[in-house]
């Protein structure tokens, strides 16, 4: 449990961003699903299922892009102790 708390604390802003995106996605998905199906139950089911999967994917997508950005910055930074011309 302590590991989960530490993980949540370390990624607090990313998790909050993911949660707000999740809620927005549910509202949009429900509206679209209802417009397409005309069935409230189907719209509610789809609007929870699809954004839930998307929210998890989004979190890992953000982490992958952050790692890529960090690697690019590390490549752009000259190595410590490198010889200068």
Protein backbone atom coordinates (compact mmCIF):
# COMPACT_ATOMS: atom_id res chain seq x y z
CA UNK A 1 0.00 0.00 0.00
CA UNK A 2 2.87 2.36 0.76
CA UNK A 3 4.28 1.76 -2.73
CA UNK A 4 0.94 2.73 -4.28
CA UNK A 5 0.80 5.89 -2.16
CA UNK A 6 4.35 6.80 -3.14
CA UNK A 7 3.57 6.18 -6.81
CA UNK A 8 0.40 8.27 -6.59
CA UNK A 9 2.27 11.08 -4.84
CA UNK A 10 5.11 11.02 -7.37
CA UNK A 11 2.67 11.13 -10.31
CA UNK A 12 0.02 13.34 -8.70
CA UNK A 13 -0.24 15.94 -11.46
CA UNK A 14 -0.29 13.31 -14.22
CA UNK A 15 -3.00 11.37 -12.37
CA UNK A 16 -5.11 14.51 -11.86
CA UNK A 17 -4.73 15.40 -15.52
CA UNK A 18 -5.71 11.84 -16.46
CA UNK A 19 -8.77 11.98 -14.17
CA UNK A 20 -10.02 15.26 -15.64
CA UNK A 21 -9.50 13.89 -19.15
CA UNK A 22 -11.38 10.73 -18.12
CA UNK A 23 -14.41 12.70 -16.89
CA UNK A 24 -14.49 14.85 -20.01
CA UNK A 25 -14.22 11.76 -22.17
CA UNK A 26 -17.15 10.06 -20.38
CA UNK A 27 -19.42 13.03 -21.05
CA UNK A 28 -18.44 13.21 -24.72
CA UNK A 29 -18.66 9.44 -25.18
CA UNK A 30 -22.11 9.31 -23.55
CA UNK A 31 -23.43 12.05 -25.80
CA UNK A 32 -22.05 10.43 -28.94
CA UNK A 33 -23.17 6.91 -27.96
CA UNK A 34 -26.68 8.16 -27.16
CA UNK A 35 -26.87 10.08 -30.44
CA UNK A 36 -25.84 6.95 -32.35
CA UNK A 37 -27.81 4.29 -30.45
CA UNK A 38 -30.73 6.23 -29.00
CA UNK A 39 -30.46 3.90 -25.98
CA UNK A 40 -29.53 5.34 -22.61
CA UNK A 41 -28.25 2.04 -21.13
CA UNK A 42 -25.98 1.35 -24.13
CA UNK A 43 -24.74 4.95 -24.08
CA UNK A 44 -23.88 4.78 -20.37
CA UNK A 45 -22.15 1.41 -20.73
CA UNK A 46 -20.05 2.56 -23.68
CA UNK A 47 -19.30 5.90 -22.08
CA UNK A 48 -17.72 4.25 -19.03
CA UNK A 49 -15.99 1.30 -20.69
CA UNK A 50 -14.22 3.05 -23.56
CA UNK A 51 -12.87 6.08 -21.61
CA UNK A 52 -11.66 3.79 -18.82
CA UNK A 53 -9.47 1.91 -21.27
CA UNK A 54 -8.42 5.20 -22.88
CA UNK A 55 -7.50 6.76 -19.51
CA UNK A 56 -5.12 3.93 -18.69
CA UNK A 57 -3.61 4.10 -22.17
CA UNK A 58 -3.27 7.90 -21.90
CA UNK A 59 -1.32 7.67 -18.64
CA UNK A 60 1.24 5.33 -20.19
CA UNK A 61 1.30 7.38 -23.40
CA UNK A 62 2.23 10.48 -21.38
CA UNK A 63 4.95 8.55 -19.54
CA UNK A 64 6.43 7.30 -22.84
CA UNK A 65 6.54 10.83 -24.26
CA UNK A 66 8.14 12.13 -21.04
CA UNK A 67 10.86 9.46 -21.29
CA UNK A 68 11.42 10.35 -24.94
CA UNK A 69 11.69 14.06 -24.07
CA UNK A 70 14.15 13.31 -21.25
CA UNK A 71 16.27 11.14 -23.55
CA UNK A 72 16.35 13.87 -26.21
CA UNK A 73 17.42 16.43 -23.61
CA UNK A 74 20.12 14.10 -22.31
CA UNK A 75 21.42 13.60 -25.87
CA UNK A 76 21.47 17.37 -26.43
CA UNK A 77 23.43 18.06 -23.23
CA UNK A 78 27.21 17.69 -23.64
CA UNK A 79 28.69 14.98 -21.46
CA UNK A 80 30.36 16.21 -18.27
CA UNK A 81 34.10 16.39 -18.69
CA UNK A 82 33.99 16.30 -22.48
CA UNK A 83 36.89 17.96 -24.18
CA UNK A 84 36.20 21.43 -25.59
CA UNK A 85 37.82 22.75 -28.72
